[in-house]
Protein backbone atom coordinates (compact mmCIF):
# COMPACT_ATOMS: atom_id res chain seq x y z
CA MET A 1 21.73 49.91 118.95
CA ILE A 2 22.38 52.89 116.64
CA GLY A 3 24.27 54.54 119.49
CA GLN A 4 26.54 51.53 119.96
CA ARG A 5 27.29 51.42 116.22
CA ILE A 6 28.18 55.14 116.15
CA LYS A 7 30.49 54.71 119.15
CA LEU A 8 32.24 51.67 117.66
CA ALA A 9 32.73 53.38 114.29
CA ARG A 10 34.07 56.51 116.02
CA LYS A 11 36.63 54.45 117.93
CA LYS A 12 37.56 52.67 114.69
CA ALA A 13 38.25 56.09 113.15
CA GLY A 14 40.29 57.11 116.20
CA LEU A 15 38.14 60.19 116.81
CA SER A 16 37.07 61.82 120.04
CA LEU A 17 33.56 63.20 120.37
CA ARG A 18 34.92 66.67 119.66
CA GLY A 19 37.01 65.36 116.77
CA LEU A 20 33.94 63.82 115.13
CA ALA A 21 31.96 67.01 115.67
CA ASP A 22 34.74 68.97 113.93
CA LYS A 23 34.70 66.51 111.03
CA LEU A 24 30.97 67.08 110.70
CA GLU A 25 31.79 70.81 110.37
CA GLY A 26 29.56 71.86 113.22
CA ARG A 27 26.35 70.20 112.03
CA VAL A 28 26.03 68.64 115.49
CA SER A 29 27.87 69.25 118.75
CA ALA A 30 30.09 66.83 120.65
CA GLN A 31 27.42 66.76 123.37
CA ALA A 32 24.75 65.71 120.85
CA ILE A 33 26.97 62.93 119.50
CA GLY A 34 27.46 61.72 123.07
CA LYS A 35 23.69 61.57 123.47
CA TYR A 36 23.39 59.62 120.19
CA GLU A 37 25.92 57.08 121.51
CA ARG A 38 24.02 56.70 124.78
CA ASP A 39 20.74 56.31 122.84
CA GLU A 40 19.36 59.39 124.59
CA MET A 41 18.71 61.02 121.21
CA THR A 42 18.13 59.63 117.72
CA PRO A 43 19.94 61.32 114.80
CA SER A 44 17.89 62.47 111.84
CA SER A 45 18.31 60.78 108.47
CA GLY A 46 20.46 63.68 107.26
CA ILE A 47 22.76 63.44 110.27
CA LEU A 48 23.00 59.65 109.86
CA ILE A 49 24.15 60.10 106.26
CA ALA A 50 26.72 62.68 107.37
CA LEU A 51 27.95 60.37 110.14
CA SER A 52 28.35 57.43 107.75
CA LYS A 53 30.49 59.55 105.41
CA ALA A 54 32.56 61.06 108.23
CA LEU A 55 33.17 57.66 109.84
CA GLY A 56 33.73 55.72 106.61
CA VAL A 57 30.99 53.15 107.25
CA SER A 58 27.80 52.27 105.40
CA LEU A 59 24.46 53.76 106.30
CA ALA A 60 23.10 50.22 106.70
CA TYR A 61 25.76 49.55 109.33
CA LEU A 62 24.73 52.57 111.41
CA MET A 63 21.03 51.80 111.13
CA ASP A 64 21.58 48.21 112.37
CA THR A 65 18.46 46.72 110.77
CA GLN A 66 19.40 43.11 111.65
CA GLY A 67 20.35 43.59 115.29
CA VAL A 68 23.75 41.98 114.78
CA GLU A 69 26.41 42.06 117.49
CA LEU A 70 29.60 40.11 118.14
CA THR A 71 30.01 38.07 121.31
CA GLY A 72 32.94 36.17 122.73
CA VAL A 73 35.48 38.03 120.60
CA ASP A 74 38.82 36.39 121.40
CA PHE A 75 41.76 38.00 119.63
CA ARG A 76 45.00 36.13 118.84
CA THR A 77 47.59 38.85 119.03
CA LYS A 78 51.31 39.45 118.97
CA ALA A 79 50.78 42.22 121.50
CA ASN A 80 47.90 43.82 123.35
CA THR A 81 45.40 45.31 120.94
CA SER A 82 44.42 48.94 121.22
CA THR A 83 40.83 50.13 121.55
CA LYS A 84 41.08 51.49 118.00
CA ASP A 85 42.31 48.13 116.68
CA ARG A 86 39.48 46.24 118.33
CA ALA A 87 36.88 48.74 117.11
CA TYR A 88 38.29 48.58 113.56
CA VAL A 89 38.14 44.80 113.48
CA GLU A 90 34.69 44.51 115.02
CA THR A 91 33.25 47.14 112.66
CA GLU A 92 34.67 45.37 109.60
CA VAL A 93 33.31 42.01 110.72
CA ILE A 94 29.84 43.39 111.53
CA GLU A 95 29.57 45.11 108.14
CA TRP A 96 30.67 41.93 106.36
CA ILE A 97 28.40 39.56 108.29
CA GLU A 98 25.39 41.82 107.72
CA ARG A 99 25.97 41.66 103.96
CA TYR A 100 26.46 37.88 104.23
CA LEU A 101 23.22 37.39 106.18
CA GLN A 102 21.35 39.65 103.78
CA ILE A 103 22.17 37.52 100.72
CA GLU A 104 21.51 34.28 102.62
CA ARG A 105 18.07 35.61 103.58
CA ILE A 106 17.33 36.49 99.95
CA LEU A 107 18.25 32.95 98.88
CA GLU A 108 16.46 31.43 101.90
CA LEU A 109 19.61 29.65 103.03
CA ASN A 110 20.08 28.44 106.59
CA SER A 111 22.79 30.62 108.14
CA ALA A 112 23.16 28.85 111.44
CA GLU A 113 23.99 25.23 110.79
CA TRP A 114 27.62 24.24 110.94
CA GLU A 115 28.76 20.64 111.07
CA ILE A 116 30.21 20.64 114.56
CA PRO A 117 32.39 17.52 114.85
CA VAL A 118 31.77 16.88 118.57
CA GLN A 119 28.48 16.58 120.46
CA GLN A 120 29.63 19.04 123.13
CA LEU A 121 32.69 21.13 123.89
CA HIS A 122 35.61 18.76 124.46
CA LYS A 123 37.16 18.93 127.92
CA LEU A 124 40.93 18.36 127.86
CA GLN A 125 42.75 17.34 131.01
CA VAL A 126 46.24 17.86 129.55
CA ILE A 127 47.50 19.69 126.46
CA ALA A 128 48.65 16.48 124.75
CA GLU A 129 45.03 15.30 124.51
CA ALA A 130 44.60 17.85 121.72
CA GLU A 131 46.28 15.23 119.49
CA GLU A 132 43.39 12.81 120.01
CA LEU A 133 40.87 15.58 119.48
CA ALA A 134 42.44 16.46 116.10
CA ASP A 135 42.18 12.80 115.04
CA LEU A 136 38.57 12.70 116.25
CA VAL A 137 37.62 15.74 114.15
CA ARG A 138 39.30 14.25 111.09
CA ASP A 139 37.40 11.00 111.64
CA GLN A 140 34.05 12.75 112.12
CA TRP A 141 34.58 14.79 108.96
CA GLN A 142 35.93 11.73 107.10
CA LEU A 143 39.16 13.46 106.12
CA GLY A 144 41.46 10.48 106.53
CA ARG A 145 45.06 11.34 107.38
CA ASP A 146 46.19 13.04 104.18
CA PRO A 147 47.25 16.72 104.09
CA ILE A 148 44.40 19.23 103.80
CA PRO A 149 44.69 21.10 100.48
CA ASN A 150 42.49 24.08 101.41
CA MET A 151 41.65 24.93 105.03
CA THR A 152 39.39 27.85 104.14
CA GLU A 153 37.30 25.77 101.76
CA LEU A 154 37.04 22.98 104.34
CA LEU A 155 35.73 25.26 107.09
CA GLU A 156 33.27 26.98 104.74
CA GLU A 157 32.05 23.56 103.57
CA LYS A 158 31.40 22.65 107.22
CA GLY A 159 29.32 25.79 107.77
CA LEU A 160 31.74 28.19 109.48
CA LYS A 161 31.80 31.79 108.29
CA VAL A 162 35.39 32.62 107.31
CA LEU A 163 36.71 36.12 106.65
CA ILE A 164 40.24 36.93 105.49
CA GLU A 165 40.66 40.65 106.05
CA LYS A 166 43.50 43.13 106.25
CA LEU A 167 43.66 43.65 110.01
CA PRO A 168 46.02 45.65 112.22
CA SER A 169 49.46 44.00 112.29
CA ARG A 170 49.06 43.19 115.99
CA VAL A 171 46.00 40.99 115.29
CA SER A 172 46.69 37.45 114.04
CA GLY A 173 43.07 36.35 114.00
CA PHE A 174 40.12 35.61 116.22
CA THR A 175 36.95 33.61 116.59
CA CYS A 176 33.61 34.91 117.77
CA LEU A 177 29.87 34.31 117.71
CA VAL A 178 27.40 36.56 115.91
CA ARG A 179 24.21 37.21 117.85
CA ARG A 180 21.09 38.40 116.04
CA SER A 181 17.80 39.78 117.26
CA GLY A 182 14.98 37.27 117.55
CA ASN A 183 15.27 33.55 118.24
CA HIS A 184 18.18 32.94 115.88
CA THR A 185 21.04 30.56 116.62
CA GLU A 186 24.38 32.28 117.15
CA LEU A 187 26.69 32.05 114.15
CA PRO A 188 30.35 30.98 114.53
CA VAL A 189 32.82 33.20 112.65
CA VAL A 190 36.58 32.86 112.15
CA VAL A 191 38.62 35.86 111.02
CA VAL A 192 42.30 35.78 109.99
CA ASN A 193 44.69 38.52 108.98
CA ARG A 194 45.33 38.89 105.25
CA GLN A 195 48.71 40.50 105.98
CA PHE A 196 50.15 37.21 107.21
CA SER A 197 51.49 34.43 105.01
CA LEU A 198 49.31 31.62 103.71
CA GLU A 199 51.24 29.20 105.95
CA ARG A 200 50.36 31.25 109.03
CA ARG A 201 46.73 31.79 107.97
CA ARG A 202 46.19 28.05 107.63
CA MET A 203 47.60 27.47 111.10
CA THR A 204 45.41 30.27 112.48
CA LEU A 205 42.30 28.74 110.92
CA ALA A 206 43.06 25.35 112.50
CA HIS A 207 43.85 27.10 115.79
CA GLU A 208 40.51 28.94 115.75
CA LEU A 209 38.68 25.71 114.89
CA ALA A 210 40.13 24.28 118.11
CA HIS A 211 38.71 27.20 120.09
CA ARG A 212 35.25 26.40 118.72
CA ILE A 213 35.34 22.84 120.11
CA ILE A 214 37.61 22.89 123.20
CA ASP A 215 35.96 23.41 126.57
CA PRO A 216 38.13 26.08 128.25
CA SER A 217 36.89 25.32 131.76
CA ALA A 218 39.51 22.65 132.52
CA LEU A 219 42.49 24.73 131.33
CA ASN A 220 43.85 28.15 132.15
CA GLU A 221 44.17 30.68 129.33
CA LYS A 222 47.82 29.87 128.56
CA GLU A 223 47.14 26.13 128.54
CA GLU A 224 44.13 26.61 126.26
CA GLU A 225 46.28 28.50 123.76
CA LYS A 226 48.92 25.76 123.84
CA ALA A 227 46.24 23.10 123.39
CA ALA A 228 44.76 24.95 120.40
CA THR A 229 48.21 25.25 118.84
CA ARG A 230 48.87 21.54 119.45
CA PHE A 231 45.49 20.73 117.86
CA ALA A 232 46.32 22.87 114.82
CA GLY A 233 49.65 21.11 114.28
CA ALA A 234 48.07 17.67 114.65
CA PHE A 235 45.13 18.59 112.39
CA LEU A 236 47.34 19.87 109.56
CA MET A 237 50.19 17.37 110.05
CA PRO A 238 48.80 14.04 111.31
CA ARG A 239 51.31 11.87 113.14
CA GLU A 240 50.75 8.78 110.97
CA HIS A 241 51.30 10.67 107.73
CA LEU A 242 54.36 12.51 109.03
CA GLU A 243 55.98 9.30 110.27
CA GLN A 244 55.46 7.72 106.84
CA GLU A 245 57.09 10.70 105.11
CA VAL A 246 59.92 11.39 107.57
CA GLY A 247 60.43 8.27 109.68
CA LYS A 248 59.80 7.76 113.39
CA HIS A 249 63.16 9.07 114.58
CA ARG A 250 65.61 11.45 112.92
CA ASN A 251 68.92 12.89 114.02
CA ARG A 252 69.17 15.41 111.20
CA LEU A 253 67.05 17.06 108.52
CA GLY A 254 68.25 18.74 105.33
CA TYR A 255 66.96 22.10 104.11
CA LYS A 256 65.52 20.74 100.85
CA GLU A 257 63.62 17.99 102.69
CA ILE A 258 62.09 20.52 105.08
CA MET A 259 61.01 22.76 102.19
CA ASP A 260 59.40 19.81 100.39
CA LEU A 261 57.56 18.85 103.58
CA LYS A 262 56.30 22.38 104.24
CA ARG A 263 54.91 22.47 100.68
CA LEU A 264 53.28 19.06 101.20
CA TYR A 265 51.48 20.10 104.41
CA ARG A 266 51.23 23.80 103.45
CA VAL A 267 52.55 24.97 106.80
CA SER A 268 55.42 27.18 107.93
CA GLY A 269 58.91 25.76 108.30
CA ALA A 270 58.95 26.68 111.99
CA ALA A 271 55.58 24.98 112.64
CA LEU A 272 56.82 21.86 110.88
CA LEU A 273 59.95 21.64 113.05
CA VAL A 274 57.92 22.14 116.25
CA ARG A 275 55.49 19.45 115.14
CA LEU A 276 58.34 17.00 114.53
CA ARG A 277 59.57 17.69 118.05
CA ASP A 278 56.09 17.37 119.58
CA ILE A 279 55.64 13.82 118.29
CA GLY A 280 59.20 12.74 119.08
CA ILE A 281 60.62 12.47 115.57
CA ILE A 282 63.33 14.97 116.52
CA SER A 283 64.59 15.85 119.99
CA ASP A 284 64.51 19.18 121.82
CA SER A 285 68.23 19.59 121.19
CA ILE A 286 67.80 19.15 117.42
CA LEU A 287 64.94 21.67 117.41
CA ILE A 288 67.05 24.20 119.31
CA TYR A 289 70.03 23.60 117.02
CA SER A 290 67.80 24.09 113.94
CA PHE A 291 66.53 27.44 115.24
CA GLN A 292 70.12 28.49 115.90
CA THR A 293 71.33 27.54 112.40
CA VAL A 294 69.29 26.90 109.25
CA ALA A 295 65.98 28.06 110.77
CA ARG A 296 67.30 30.99 112.79
CA ASN A 297 65.10 33.57 111.01
CA TRP A 298 62.08 31.39 110.27
CA ARG A 299 59.91 32.74 113.10
CA THR A 300 59.91 36.18 111.48
CA GLU A 301 60.75 35.48 107.81
CA GLU A 302 59.06 32.50 106.16
CA PRO A 303 61.42 30.64 103.78
CA GLU A 304 60.14 29.91 100.24
CA GLN A 305 56.62 31.23 100.87
CA LEU A 306 53.73 29.40 99.24
CA GLU A 307 52.12 32.71 98.28
CA HIS A 308 53.92 35.79 96.96
CA PRO A 309 53.76 38.67 99.49
CA ASP A 310 52.26 40.97 96.83
CA CYS A 311 49.33 38.56 96.39
CA ARG A 312 48.45 37.95 100.04
CA GLY A 313 45.04 36.44 100.53
CA GLU A 314 44.59 35.29 96.93
CA ARG A 315 45.21 31.62 97.65
CA GLU A 316 42.74 29.67 99.76
CA LYS A 317 40.44 32.69 99.91
CA PRO A 318 36.82 32.39 101.12
CA ARG A 319 34.56 32.04 98.09
CA ARG A 320 31.10 31.14 99.38
CA PHE A 321 29.84 34.69 99.95
CA GLU A 322 30.91 35.78 96.47
CA ARG A 323 29.45 32.62 94.95
CA ILE A 324 26.00 33.03 96.48
CA CYS A 325 25.94 36.73 95.52
CA TYR A 326 26.47 35.74 91.88
CA ARG A 327 23.86 33.01 92.28
CA ALA A 328 21.27 35.55 93.42
CA LEU A 329 22.29 37.90 90.60
CA ALA A 330 22.05 35.18 87.94
CA GLU A 331 18.59 34.18 89.18
CA GLY A 332 17.38 37.79 89.07
CA LEU A 333 16.83 37.98 92.82
CA ILE A 334 19.07 41.04 93.15
CA SER A 335 20.06 43.81 90.76
CA LEU A 336 23.52 44.44 89.39
CA THR A 337 23.74 47.54 91.59
CA LYS A 338 22.79 45.54 94.69
CA ALA A 339 25.34 42.84 93.87
CA ALA A 340 28.04 45.46 93.51
CA GLU A 341 27.03 46.94 96.86
CA LEU A 342 27.14 43.56 98.60
CA LEU A 343 30.44 42.56 97.02
CA ARG A 344 31.95 46.03 97.40
CA SER A 345 33.10 45.87 93.79
CA PRO A 346 32.68 48.20 90.80
CA ILE A 347 29.54 47.48 88.77
CA GLU A 348 31.56 46.79 85.62
CA ASP A 349 33.64 44.14 87.45
CA VAL A 350 30.51 42.43 88.78
CA GLU A 351 28.91 42.50 85.31
CA ALA A 352 32.04 40.94 83.84
CA GLY A 353 31.94 38.29 86.55
CA LEU A 354 28.36 37.46 85.58
CA LYS A 355 28.76 37.46 81.78
CA GLY A 356 32.36 36.28 81.46
CA PRO A 357 34.98 37.52 78.97
């Protein structure tokens, strides 16, 4: 597994075998690195340390003590992702999940249980059935039909691992399973791009939740994506609640009303308009007219963003990992240095977080 980790980190760094050898200043040849990656040779401890520095990854990541690997990685992208992009994302997620599992093991917490809302993957015959599935999930989780104030907190509460990370601009988000050595249950993980707006991140989280519970066998790939998007809209903007706020049929919507509604449901203006069309409150012609007039730039520029662009990722951020790290620190189960290592924060910041102002 060390060889696979070296290869992934090298691709993340965008280096060829020769390029990595040059960065190591001749300590090992390109041929030797190739043998490391094929697990035909094992690097010495000194070479491992040099590789971790040259590749910008932790020594723990290269040594792969937990046997962690990602399976079923399914990117949501604006364009095809490059090999470097995929390697970057997978390396970041593996490093993060290993730190997460480490602190859960110290606290003897169960990592694998998430409150799946359906007994088995839900098989949809048509895309519109995603509406019923969204209502079913809300019912199983006893959410009622009110807007969801914090999607990240909800998914973490239900046992999903959520990571908001600065990813390549082409990557919107993805869901995957984390496989570990031994007889451990695979862990579901959802990752979303910090560079995108809060409105878009919330929609991505709901979209990825759909991919964890929809059986893809009855739909082709394009239909599955449409079904997941329909689920996300229905989950964040339930029909009953929307009809109470907007009415069952509308011939026109004002800008101020749309902005108030997007703040209520914490979704993008464009997603709100599409949702109104999907459930028949507005017609196709009104949707088209809106995107030609008041909403003509909304697909690329979000109006009146809920979160300032300079503070991306600060609202609705995952907090469980940080919380359990401070729990272990407060109980004396880990040192201040170890907490700083796990949290990737300066020691003085972690100490301040423990003691307060």
